[in-house]
PDB file of N, CA and C in Angstrom:
ATOM      1  N   MET A   1     162.811  17.190  63.282  1.00  0.00           N
ATOM      2  CA  MET A   1     163.017  16.178  64.306  1.00  0.00           C
ATOM      3  C   MET A   1     162.117  14.974  64.000  1.00  0.00           C
ATOM      4  N   ILE A   2     162.667  13.787  64.242  1.00  0.00           N
ATOM      5  CA  ILE A   2     161.897  12.556  64.074  1.00  0.00           C
ATOM      6  C   ILE A   2     162.077  11.683  65.318  1.00  0.00           C
ATOM      7  N   GLU A   3     161.131  10.804  65.521  1.00  0.00           N
ATOM      8  CA  GLU A   3     161.196   9.855  66.625  1.00  0.00           C
ATOM      9  C   GLU A   3     161.553   8.492  66.043  1.00  0.00           C
ATOM     10  N   VAL A   4     162.623   7.884  66.585  1.00  0.00           N
ATOM     11  CA  VAL A   4     163.096   6.593  66.102  1.00  0.00           C
ATOM     12  C   VAL A   4     162.957   5.580  67.235  1.00  0.00           C
ATOM     13  N   PHE A   5     162.341   4.439  66.948  1.00  0.00           N
ATOM     14  CA  PHE A   5     162.206   3.381  67.934  1.00  0.00           C
ATOM     15  C   PHE A   5     163.354   2.399  67.750  1.00  0.00           C
ATOM     16  N   VAL A   6     164.042   2.079  68.845  1.00  0.00           N
ATOM     17  CA  VAL A   6     165.248   1.259  68.784  1.00  0.00           C
ATOM     18  C   VAL A   6     165.145   0.146  69.821  1.00  0.00           C
ATOM     19  N   THR A   7     165.637  -1.044  69.474  1.00  0.00           N
ATOM     20  CA  THR A   7     165.765  -2.139  70.428  1.00  0.00           C
ATOM     21  C   THR A   7     167.230  -2.233  70.823  1.00  0.00           C
ATOM     22  N   VAL A   8     167.486  -2.178  72.130  1.00  0.00           N
ATOM     23  CA  VAL A   8     168.850  -2.192  72.654  1.00  0.00           C
ATOM     24  C   VAL A   8     169.018  -3.429  73.529  1.00  0.00           C
ATOM     25  N   ASN A   9     170.113  -4.158  73.340  1.00  0.00           N
ATOM     26  CA  ASN A   9     170.420  -5.289  74.199  1.00  0.00           C
ATOM     27  C   ASN A   9     171.305  -4.789  75.332  1.00  0.00           C
ATOM     28  N   PHE A  10     170.836  -4.968  76.577  1.00  0.00           N
ATOM     29  CA  PHE A  10     171.577  -4.514  77.754  1.00  0.00           C
ATOM     30  C   PHE A  10     171.436  -5.572  78.837  1.00  0.00           C
ATOM     31  N   LYS A  11     172.556  -6.075  79.317  1.00  0.00           N
ATOM     32  CA  LYS A  11     172.583  -7.143  80.326  1.00  0.00           C
ATOM     33  C   LYS A  11     171.773  -8.352  79.854  1.00  0.00           C
ATOM     34  N   ASP A  12     171.997  -8.750  78.609  1.00  0.00           N
ATOM     35  CA  ASP A  12     171.363  -9.921  77.990  1.00  0.00           C
ATOM     36  C   ASP A  12     169.839  -9.842  77.925  1.00  0.00           C
ATOM     37  N   ARG A  13     169.304  -8.644  77.922  1.00  0.00           N
ATOM     38  CA  ARG A  13     167.860  -8.455  77.751  1.00  0.00           C
ATOM     39  C   ARG A  13     167.642  -7.379  76.703  1.00  0.00           C
ATOM     40  N   ASN A  14     166.541  -7.463  75.972  1.00  0.00           N
ATOM     41  CA  ASN A  14     166.221  -6.465  74.953  1.00  0.00           C
ATOM     42  C   ASN A  14     165.269  -5.429  75.522  1.00  0.00           C
ATOM     43  N   TYR A  15     165.587  -4.172  75.269  1.00  0.00           N
ATOM     44  CA  TYR A  15     164.764  -3.061  75.735  1.00  0.00           C
ATOM     45  C   TYR A  15     164.394  -2.201  74.540  1.00  0.00           C
ATOM     46  N   HIS A  16     163.145  -1.789  74.487  1.00  0.00           N
ATOM     47  CA  HIS A  16     162.674  -0.908  73.430  1.00  0.00           C
ATOM     48  C   HIS A  16     162.679   0.513  73.971  1.00  0.00           C
ATOM     49  N   THR A  17     163.239   1.419  73.211  1.00  0.00           N
ATOM     50  CA  THR A  17     163.276   2.818  73.615  1.00  0.00           C
ATOM     51  C   THR A  17     163.094   3.685  72.378  1.00  0.00           C
ATOM     52  N   ASN A  18     162.779   4.930  72.594  1.00  0.00           N
ATOM     53  CA  ASN A  18     162.659   5.846  71.458  1.00  0.00           C
ATOM     54  C   ASN A  18     163.632   6.997  71.651  1.00  0.00           C
ATOM     55  N   VAL A  19     164.117   7.515  70.537  1.00  0.00           N
ATOM     56  CA  VAL A  19     165.079   8.610  70.525  1.00  0.00           C
ATOM     57  C   VAL A  19     164.555   9.663  69.562  1.00  0.00           C
ATOM     58  N   ILE A  20     164.597  10.904  69.979  1.00  0.00           N
ATOM     59  CA  ILE A  20     164.177  12.004  69.103  1.00  0.00           C
ATOM     60  C   ILE A  20     165.439  12.692  68.595  1.00  0.00           C
ATOM     61  N   VAL A  21     165.607  12.692  67.271  1.00  0.00           N
ATOM     62  CA  VAL A  21     166.831  13.217  66.657  1.00  0.00           C
ATOM     63  C   VAL A  21     166.484  14.012  65.404  1.00  0.00           C
ATOM     64  N   GLU A  22     167.475  14.721  64.888  1.00  0.00           N
ATOM     65  CA  GLU A  22     167.318  15.399  63.606  1.00  0.00           C
ATOM     66  C   GLU A  22     167.185  14.352  62.504  1.00  0.00           C
ATOM     67  N   LYS A  23     166.510  14.702  61.447  1.00  0.00           N
ATOM     68  CA  LYS A  23     166.219  13.755  60.368  1.00  0.00           C
ATOM     69  C   LYS A  23     167.477  13.177  59.717  1.00  0.00           C
ATOM     70  N   ASP A  24     168.562  13.932  59.658  1.00  0.00           N
ATOM     71  CA  ASP A  24     169.774  13.466  58.978  1.00  0.00           C
ATOM     72  C   ASP A  24     170.808  12.822  59.920  1.00  0.00           C
ATOM     73  N   THR A  25     170.415  12.472  61.131  1.00  0.00           N
ATOM     74  CA  THR A  25     171.326  11.843  62.090  1.00  0.00           C
ATOM     75  C   THR A  25     171.666  10.433  61.627  1.00  0.00           C
ATOM     76  N   ASN A  26     172.959  10.068  61.696  1.00  0.00           N
ATOM     77  CA  ASN A  26     173.356   8.741  61.228  1.00  0.00           C
ATOM     78  C   ASN A  26     173.014   7.667  62.264  1.00  0.00           C
ATOM     79  N   TRP A  27     172.970   6.411  61.788  1.00  0.00           N
ATOM     80  CA  TRP A  27     172.528   5.295  62.609  1.00  0.00           C
ATOM     81  C   TRP A  27     173.422   5.076  63.817  1.00  0.00           C
ATOM     82  N   LYS A  28     174.751   5.275  63.692  1.00  0.00           N
ATOM     83  CA  LYS A  28     175.665   5.061  64.817  1.00  0.00           C
ATOM     84  C   LYS A  28     175.328   5.985  65.980  1.00  0.00           C
ATOM     85  N   LYS A  29     175.020   7.232  65.680  1.00  0.00           N
ATOM     86  CA  LYS A  29     174.685   8.186  66.736  1.00  0.00           C
ATOM     87  C   LYS A  29     173.337   7.841  67.380  1.00  0.00           C
ATOM     88  N   ILE A  30     172.359   7.438  66.556  1.00  0.00           N
ATOM     89  CA  ILE A  30     171.055   7.050  67.090  1.00  0.00           C
ATOM     90  C   ILE A  30     171.216   5.861  68.039  1.00  0.00           C
ATOM     91  N   LYS A  31     171.993   4.872  67.615  1.00  0.00           N
ATOM     92  CA  LYS A  31     172.208   3.680  68.441  1.00  0.00           C
ATOM     93  C   LYS A  31     172.912   4.043  69.746  1.00  0.00           C
ATOM     94  N   ARG A  32     173.915   4.913  69.668  1.00  0.00           N
ATOM     95  CA  ARG A  32     174.649   5.326  70.863  1.00  0.00           C
ATOM     96  C   ARG A  32     173.729   6.054  71.842  1.00  0.00           C
ATOM     97  N   LEU A  33     172.891   6.950  71.329  1.00  0.00           N
ATOM     98  CA  LEU A  33     171.958   7.680  72.186  1.00  0.00           C
ATOM     99  C   LEU A  33     170.972   6.729  72.853  1.00  0.00           C
ATOM    100  N   ALA A  34     170.476   5.751  72.116  1.00  0.00           N
ATOM    101  CA  ALA A  34     169.537   4.779  72.679  1.00  0.00           C
ATOM    102  C   ALA A  34     170.200   3.952  73.773  1.00  0.00           C
ATOM    103  N   GLU A  35     171.434   3.516  73.536  1.00  0.00           N
ATOM    104  CA  GLU A  35     172.159   2.732  74.543  1.00  0.00           C
ATOM    105  C   GLU A  35     172.401   3.556  75.799  1.00  0.00           C
ATOM    106  N   GLU A  36     172.785   4.814  75.648  1.00  0.00           N
ATOM    107  CA  GLU A  36     173.001   5.685  76.803  1.00  0.00           C
ATOM    108  C   GLU A  36     171.710   5.866  77.593  1.00  0.00           C
ATOM    109  N   GLN A  37     170.608   6.004  76.884  1.00  0.00           N
ATOM    110  CA  GLN A  37     169.313   6.205  77.530  1.00  0.00           C
ATOM    111  C   GLN A  37     168.929   4.986  78.379  1.00  0.00           C
ATOM    112  N   VAL A  38     169.121   3.777  77.837  1.00  0.00           N
ATOM    113  CA  VAL A  38     168.800   2.563  78.581  1.00  0.00           C
ATOM    114  C   VAL A  38     169.719   2.425  79.793  1.00  0.00           C
ATOM    115  N   LYS A  39     171.008   2.706  79.621  1.00  0.00           N
ATOM    116  CA  LYS A  39     171.943   2.616  80.743  1.00  0.00           C
ATOM    117  C   LYS A  39     171.582   3.585  81.848  1.00  0.00           C
ATOM    118  N   LYS A  40     171.175   4.800  81.504  1.00  0.00           N
ATOM    119  CA  LYS A  40     170.762   5.779  82.510  1.00  0.00           C
ATOM    120  C   LYS A  40     169.580   5.272  83.313  1.00  0.00           C
ATOM    121  N   GLN A  41     168.644   4.606  82.656  1.00  0.00           N
ATOM    122  CA  GLN A  41     167.464   4.094  83.353  1.00  0.00           C
ATOM    123  C   GLN A  41     167.825   3.022  84.360  1.00  0.00           C
ATOM    124  N   TRP A  42     168.865   2.242  84.096  1.00  0.00           N
ATOM    125  CA  TRP A  42     169.250   1.149  84.997  1.00  0.00           C
ATOM    126  C   TRP A  42     170.285   1.562  86.029  1.00  0.00           C
ATOM    127  N   ASN A  43     170.967   2.668  85.837  1.00  0.00           N
ATOM    128  CA  ASN A  43     171.975   3.123  86.807  1.00  0.00           C
ATOM    129  C   ASN A  43     171.390   4.152  87.752  1.00  0.00           C
ATOM    130  N   VAL A  44     170.336   3.778  88.420  1.00  0.00           N
ATOM    131  CA  VAL A  44     169.649   4.705  89.332  1.00  0.00           C
ATOM    132  C   VAL A  44     170.393   4.775  90.637  1.00  0.00           C
TER     133      VAL A  44
END
């Protein structure tokens, strides 16, 4: 497992988040997980 730091643009603002994934996870999946994580934080 590795920790990846990602910048996600959501509602015209940039948010920094981290995602913990397997080492061989492709970039599309990492980006999707990061976007879902940011959306969850704002859809309270």
